[in-house]
C-alpha atoms as a PDB file:
ATOM      1  CA  MET A   1      68.846 -16.727  66.664  1.00  0.00           C
ATOM      2  CA  ARG A   2      69.209 -14.938  63.350  1.00  0.00           C
ATOM      3  CA  GLN A   3      70.431 -16.865  60.316  1.00  0.00           C
ATOM      4  CA  PRO A   4      73.658 -14.844  59.736  1.00  0.00           C
ATOM      5  CA  PHE A   5      74.749 -15.485  63.317  1.00  0.00           C
ATOM      6  CA  THR A   6      74.025 -19.198  62.945  1.00  0.00           C
ATOM      7  CA  VAL A   7      76.221 -19.237  59.846  1.00  0.00           C
ATOM      8  CA  ALA A   8      78.888 -17.311  61.784  1.00  0.00           C
ATOM      9  CA  ILE A   9      78.815 -19.960  64.515  1.00  0.00           C
ATOM     10  CA  LEU A  10      79.254 -22.754  61.981  1.00  0.00           C
ATOM     11  CA  LEU A  11      82.066 -20.971  60.151  1.00  0.00           C
ATOM     12  CA  THR A  12      83.807 -20.138  63.417  1.00  0.00           C
ATOM     13  CA  LEU A  13      83.659 -23.763  64.519  1.00  0.00           C
ATOM     14  CA  ALA A  14      84.982 -24.837  61.111  1.00  0.00           C
ATOM     15  CA  GLY A  15      87.769 -22.269  61.464  1.00  0.00           C
ATOM     16  CA  ALA A  16      88.834 -23.843  64.775  1.00  0.00           C
ATOM     17  CA  ILE A  17      89.276 -27.276  63.199  1.00  0.00           C
ATOM     18  CA  PRO A  18      92.712 -26.545  61.640  1.00  0.00           C
ATOM     19  CA  PHE A  19      94.005 -25.422  65.052  1.00  0.00           C
ATOM     20  CA  LEU A  20      92.820 -28.683  66.632  1.00  0.00           C
ATOM     21  CA  VAL A  21      94.072 -30.926  63.821  1.00  0.00           C
ATOM     22  CA  LEU A  22      97.470 -29.249  63.563  1.00  0.00           C
ATOM     23  CA  GLY A  23      97.887 -29.270  67.337  1.00  0.00           C
ATOM     24  CA  ALA A  24      97.152 -33.009  67.346  1.00  0.00           C
ATOM     25  CA  VAL A  25      99.662 -33.630  64.540  1.00  0.00           C
ATOM     26  CA  VAL A  26     102.363 -31.776  66.473  1.00  0.00           C
ATOM     27  CA  LEU A  27     101.780 -33.913  69.535  1.00  0.00           C
ATOM     28  CA  LEU A  28     101.096 -37.272  67.902  1.00  0.00           C
ATOM     29  CA  ASP A  29     103.269 -37.396  64.791  1.00  0.00           C
ATOM     30  CA  PRO A  30     106.869 -36.371  65.445  1.00  0.00           C
ATOM     31  CA  LEU A  31     107.824 -36.859  61.791  1.00  0.00           C
ATOM     32  CA  ASP A  32     105.393 -34.219  60.558  1.00  0.00           C
ATOM     33  CA  SER A  33     105.470 -31.916  63.579  1.00  0.00           C
ATOM     34  CA  ASP A  34     107.850 -29.299  62.133  1.00  0.00           C
ATOM     35  CA  THR A  35     105.659 -28.866  59.068  1.00  0.00           C
ATOM     36  CA  ALA A  36     102.514 -28.851  61.210  1.00  0.00           C
ATOM     37  CA  ILE A  37     104.011 -26.140  63.438  1.00  0.00           C
ATOM     38  CA  GLU A  38     104.811 -23.987  60.408  1.00  0.00           C
ATOM     39  CA  ILE A  39     101.310 -24.453  59.006  1.00  0.00           C
ATOM     40  CA  LEU A  40      99.781 -23.732  62.428  1.00  0.00           C
ATOM     41  CA  ILE A  41     101.749 -20.505  62.745  1.00  0.00           C
ATOM     42  CA  SER A  42     100.819 -19.470  59.199  1.00  0.00           C
ATOM     43  CA  TYR A  43      97.137 -20.209  59.794  1.00  0.00           C
ATOM     44  CA  GLY A  44      97.229 -18.456  63.166  1.00  0.00           C
ATOM     45  CA  ALA A  45      98.726 -15.333  61.602  1.00  0.00           C
ATOM     46  CA  VAL A  46      96.020 -15.242  58.921  1.00  0.00           C
ATOM     47  CA  ILE A  47      93.214 -15.763  61.435  1.00  0.00           C
ATOM     48  CA  LEU A  48      94.657 -13.131  63.772  1.00  0.00           C
ATOM     49  CA  SER A  49      94.617 -10.651  60.876  1.00  0.00           C
ATOM     50  CA  PHE A  50      91.019 -11.579  60.146  1.00  0.00           C
ATOM     51  CA  VAL A  51      90.011 -11.039  63.773  1.00  0.00           C
ATOM     52  CA  GLY A  52      91.623  -7.606  63.721  1.00  0.00           C
ATOM     53  CA  ALA A  53      89.759  -6.678  60.557  1.00  0.00           C
ATOM     54  CA  VAL A  54      86.467  -7.231  62.372  1.00  0.00           C
ATOM     55  CA  HIS A  55      87.277  -4.104  64.370  1.00  0.00           C
ATOM     56  CA  TRP A  56      87.214  -2.088  61.169  1.00  0.00           C
ATOM     57  CA  GLY A  57      83.702  -3.385  60.630  1.00  0.00           C
ATOM     58  CA  PHE A  58      82.744  -2.220  64.108  1.00  0.00           C
ATOM     59  CA  ALA A  59      84.233   1.206  63.468  1.00  0.00           C
ATOM     60  CA  LEU A  60      82.747   1.706  60.023  1.00  0.00           C
ATOM     61  CA  ARG A  61      79.326   0.208  60.764  1.00  0.00           C
ATOM     62  CA  ASP A  62      77.759   3.312  62.300  1.00  0.00           C
ATOM     63  CA  SER A  63      79.651   5.942  60.343  1.00  0.00           C
ATOM     64  CA  ALA A  64      78.836   4.359  56.993  1.00  0.00           C
ATOM     65  CA  HIS A  65      75.166   3.883  57.875  1.00  0.00           C
ATOM     66  CA  PRO A  66      74.156   5.976  60.904  1.00  0.00           C
ATOM     67  CA  VAL A  67      71.386   4.277  62.833  1.00  0.00           C
ATOM     68  CA  ASN A  68      68.175   6.316  63.164  1.00  0.00           C
ATOM     69  CA  GLY A  69      69.907   9.493  62.037  1.00  0.00           C
ATOM     70  CA  VAL A  70      72.174   9.549  65.090  1.00  0.00           C
ATOM     71  CA  SER A  71      74.856  12.185  64.677  1.00  0.00           C
ATOM     72  CA  LEU A  72      78.451  11.230  65.208  1.00  0.00           C
ATOM     73  CA  THR A  73      79.758  12.929  68.333  1.00  0.00           C
ATOM     74  CA  PRO A  74      83.457  13.488  69.023  1.00  0.00           C
ATOM     75  CA  ALA A  75      83.322  10.607  71.536  1.00  0.00           C
ATOM     76  CA  VAL A  76      81.908   8.251  68.913  1.00  0.00           C
ATOM     77  CA  LEU A  77      84.475   9.406  66.367  1.00  0.00           C
ATOM     78  CA  GLY A  78      87.263   8.856  68.923  1.00  0.00           C
ATOM     79  CA  ALA A  79      86.047   5.319  69.598  1.00  0.00           C
ATOM     80  CA  GLU A  80      85.925   4.616  65.875  1.00  0.00           C
ATOM     81  CA  ARG A  81      89.465   5.905  65.462  1.00  0.00           C
ATOM     82  CA  GLN A  82      90.643   3.592  68.269  1.00  0.00           C
ATOM     83  CA  LEU A  83      88.903   0.634  66.631  1.00  0.00           C
ATOM     84  CA  LEU A  84      90.524   1.390  63.285  1.00  0.00           C
ATOM     85  CA  ILE A  85      93.953   1.653  64.875  1.00  0.00           C
ATOM     86  CA  PHE A  86      93.473  -1.482  66.950  1.00  0.00           C
ATOM     87  CA  GLY A  87      92.191  -3.296  63.870  1.00  0.00           C
ATOM     88  CA  ILE A  88      95.686  -3.345  62.405  1.00  0.00           C
ATOM     89  CA  VAL A  89      97.489  -4.418  65.592  1.00  0.00           C
ATOM     90  CA  PRO A  90      96.548  -8.123  65.298  1.00  0.00           C
ATOM     91  CA  ALA A  91      97.681  -8.133  61.661  1.00  0.00           C
ATOM     92  CA  ILE A  92     101.046  -6.661  62.641  1.00  0.00           C
ATOM     93  CA  ILE A  93     101.463  -9.192  65.445  1.00  0.00           C
ATOM     94  CA  GLY A  94     100.573 -12.008  63.036  1.00  0.00           C
ATOM     95  CA  TRP A  95     103.022 -10.694  60.452  1.00  0.00           C
ATOM     96  CA  VAL A  96     105.841 -10.457  63.009  1.00  0.00           C
ATOM     97  CA  ALA A  97     105.041 -13.988  64.224  1.00  0.00           C
ATOM     98  CA  LEU A  98     105.101 -15.327  60.678  1.00  0.00           C
ATOM     99  CA  SER A  99     108.367 -13.501  59.993  1.00  0.00           C
ATOM    100  CA  ALA A 100     109.904 -14.905  63.183  1.00  0.00           C
ATOM    101  CA  MET A 101     109.143 -18.415  61.975  1.00  0.00           C
ATOM    102  CA  LEU A 102     110.002 -17.992  58.290  1.00  0.00           C
ATOM    103  CA  HIS A 103     113.045 -15.754  58.440  1.00  0.00           C
ATOM    104  CA  PHE A 104     114.522 -16.418  61.867  1.00  0.00           C
ATOM    105  CA  SER A 105     113.552 -20.074  62.419  1.00  0.00           C
ATOM    106  CA  ALA A 106     112.020 -19.134  65.756  1.00  0.00           C
ATOM    107  CA  PRO A 107     108.778 -21.115  66.041  1.00  0.00           C
ATOM    108  CA  ALA A 108     108.635 -20.707  69.834  1.00  0.00           C
ATOM    109  CA  LEU A 109     108.766 -16.929  69.479  1.00  0.00           C
ATOM    110  CA  ALA A 110     106.155 -17.060  66.721  1.00  0.00           C
ATOM    111  CA  LEU A 111     103.811 -19.173  68.856  1.00  0.00           C
ATOM    112  CA  PHE A 112     104.324 -16.848  71.816  1.00  0.00           C
ATOM    113  CA  LEU A 113     103.509 -13.802  69.682  1.00  0.00           C
ATOM    114  CA  LEU A 114     100.344 -15.463  68.386  1.00  0.00           C
ATOM    115  CA  LEU A 115      99.319 -16.277  71.964  1.00  0.00           C
ATOM    116  CA  VAL A 116      99.819 -12.644  72.935  1.00  0.00           C
ATOM    117  CA  GLY A 117      97.952 -11.444  69.852  1.00  0.00           C
ATOM    118  CA  PHE A 118      94.896 -13.632  70.392  1.00  0.00           C
ATOM    119  CA  PHE A 119      94.834 -12.881  74.119  1.00  0.00           C
ATOM    120  CA  VAL A 120      95.145  -9.108  73.715  1.00  0.00           C
ATOM    121  CA  THR A 121      92.468  -9.143  71.022  1.00  0.00           C
ATOM    122  CA  ILE A 122      89.909 -10.941  73.178  1.00  0.00           C
ATOM    123  CA  VAL A 123      90.689  -8.650  76.127  1.00  0.00           C
ATOM    124  CA  VAL A 124      90.203  -5.560  73.952  1.00  0.00           C
ATOM    125  CA  GLU A 125      86.948  -7.000  72.604  1.00  0.00           C
ATOM    126  CA  THR A 126      85.748  -7.643  76.147  1.00  0.00           C
ATOM    127  CA  ILE A 127      86.497  -4.023  77.019  1.00  0.00           C
ATOM    128  CA  GLY A 128      84.696  -3.015  73.810  1.00  0.00           C
ATOM    129  CA  ARG A 129      81.619  -4.932  74.950  1.00  0.00           C
ATOM    130  CA  GLY A 130      81.598  -2.872  78.135  1.00  0.00           C
ATOM    131  CA  ARG A 131      81.666   0.281  76.019  1.00  0.00           C
ATOM    132  CA  GLY A 132      78.839  -0.936  73.801  1.00  0.00           C
ATOM    133  CA  VAL A 133      81.008  -1.374  70.710  1.00  0.00           C
ATOM    134  CA  VAL A 134      81.069  -5.175  70.557  1.00  0.00           C
ATOM    135  CA  ALA A 135      77.876  -7.231  70.422  1.00  0.00           C
ATOM    136  CA  GLY A 136      77.351  -9.698  73.249  1.00  0.00           C
ATOM    137  CA  ASN A 137      76.655 -12.673  70.993  1.00  0.00           C
ATOM    138  CA  TYR A 138      79.830 -11.967  69.014  1.00  0.00           C
ATOM    139  CA  LEU A 139      81.853 -11.791  72.220  1.00  0.00           C
ATOM    140  CA  VAL A 140      80.510 -15.140  73.480  1.00  0.00           C
ATOM    141  CA  LEU A 141      81.429 -16.737  70.165  1.00  0.00           C
ATOM    142  CA  ARG A 142      84.890 -15.144  70.181  1.00  0.00           C
ATOM    143  CA  TRP A 143      85.601 -16.226  73.752  1.00  0.00           C
ATOM    144  CA  ALA A 144      84.592 -19.802  72.970  1.00  0.00           C
ATOM    145  CA  VAL A 145      86.885 -20.097  69.958  1.00  0.00           C
ATOM    146  CA  SER A 146      89.651 -18.015  71.573  1.00  0.00           C
ATOM    147  CA  VAL A 147      89.884 -20.439  74.482  1.00  0.00           C
ATOM    148  CA  VAL A 148      90.350 -23.314  72.019  1.00  0.00           C
ATOM    149  CA  VAL A 149      92.963 -21.392  70.009  1.00  0.00           C
ATOM    150  CA  LEU A 150      94.859 -20.222  73.090  1.00  0.00           C
ATOM    151  CA  VAL A 151      94.941 -23.731  74.601  1.00  0.00           C
ATOM    152  CA  VAL A 152      96.184 -25.286  71.344  1.00  0.00           C
ATOM    153  CA  LEU A 153      98.864 -22.621  70.867  1.00  0.00           C
ATOM    154  CA  LEU A 154      99.973 -22.954  74.492  1.00  0.00           C
ATOM    155  CA  ILE A 155     100.232 -26.748  74.269  1.00  0.00           C
ATOM    156  CA  VAL A 156     102.176 -26.557  71.009  1.00  0.00           C
ATOM    157  CA  LEU A 157     104.481 -23.883  72.461  1.00  0.00           C
ATOM    158  CA  PHE A 158     105.112 -26.122  75.469  1.00  0.00           C
ATOM    159  CA  ALA A 159     105.836 -29.049  73.111  1.00  0.00           C
ATOM    160  CA  VAL A 160     108.280 -26.942  71.099  1.00  0.00           C
ATOM    161  CA  LEU A 161     110.072 -25.615  74.174  1.00  0.00           C
ATOM    162  CA  THR A 162     110.393 -29.006  75.835  1.00  0.00           C
ATOM    163  CA  GLY A 163     110.887 -31.116  72.727  1.00  0.00           C
ATOM    164  CA  MET A 164     107.913 -33.153  73.896  1.00  0.00           C
ATOM    165  CA  ARG A 165     106.160 -35.328  71.343  1.00  0.00           C
ATOM    166  CA  VAL A 166     103.574 -37.955  72.228  1.00  0.00           C
ATOM    167  CA  GLY A 167     103.966 -40.040  69.052  1.00  0.00           C
END
């Protein structure tokens, strides 16, 4: 395994820790759960934007530095355009989720939007792997952390909708 990917694994695992900790606070400490939900939604929106930005890297990687002098065909340019456009979709979903929480006091809607955003992103990346745009090792890493994020968000959404607190 190459060193940058090892660092990416470690940073990805570290990035999952706030989801796990905040999810636990929501379930175990009813006094701090509202604040934890707000922080979770804020963090989720930021991370969703970050995940979308990766698609810009995929799109710009070959056009900025063509590999082995490969010319950019219309098909390649079309795929890059799709990646650039999709790269902003997670950021918009995250922004709408954050706005739903901050301005409309709708944490359940915000959590639902984040769930949709993370799910759609991993599905699109899986499709991208099939088209040779997304590296296999990246996709394995993303699926692993996405499952954790999706489970935490789903549990917290369930807790919000039912008023359930374990503490």
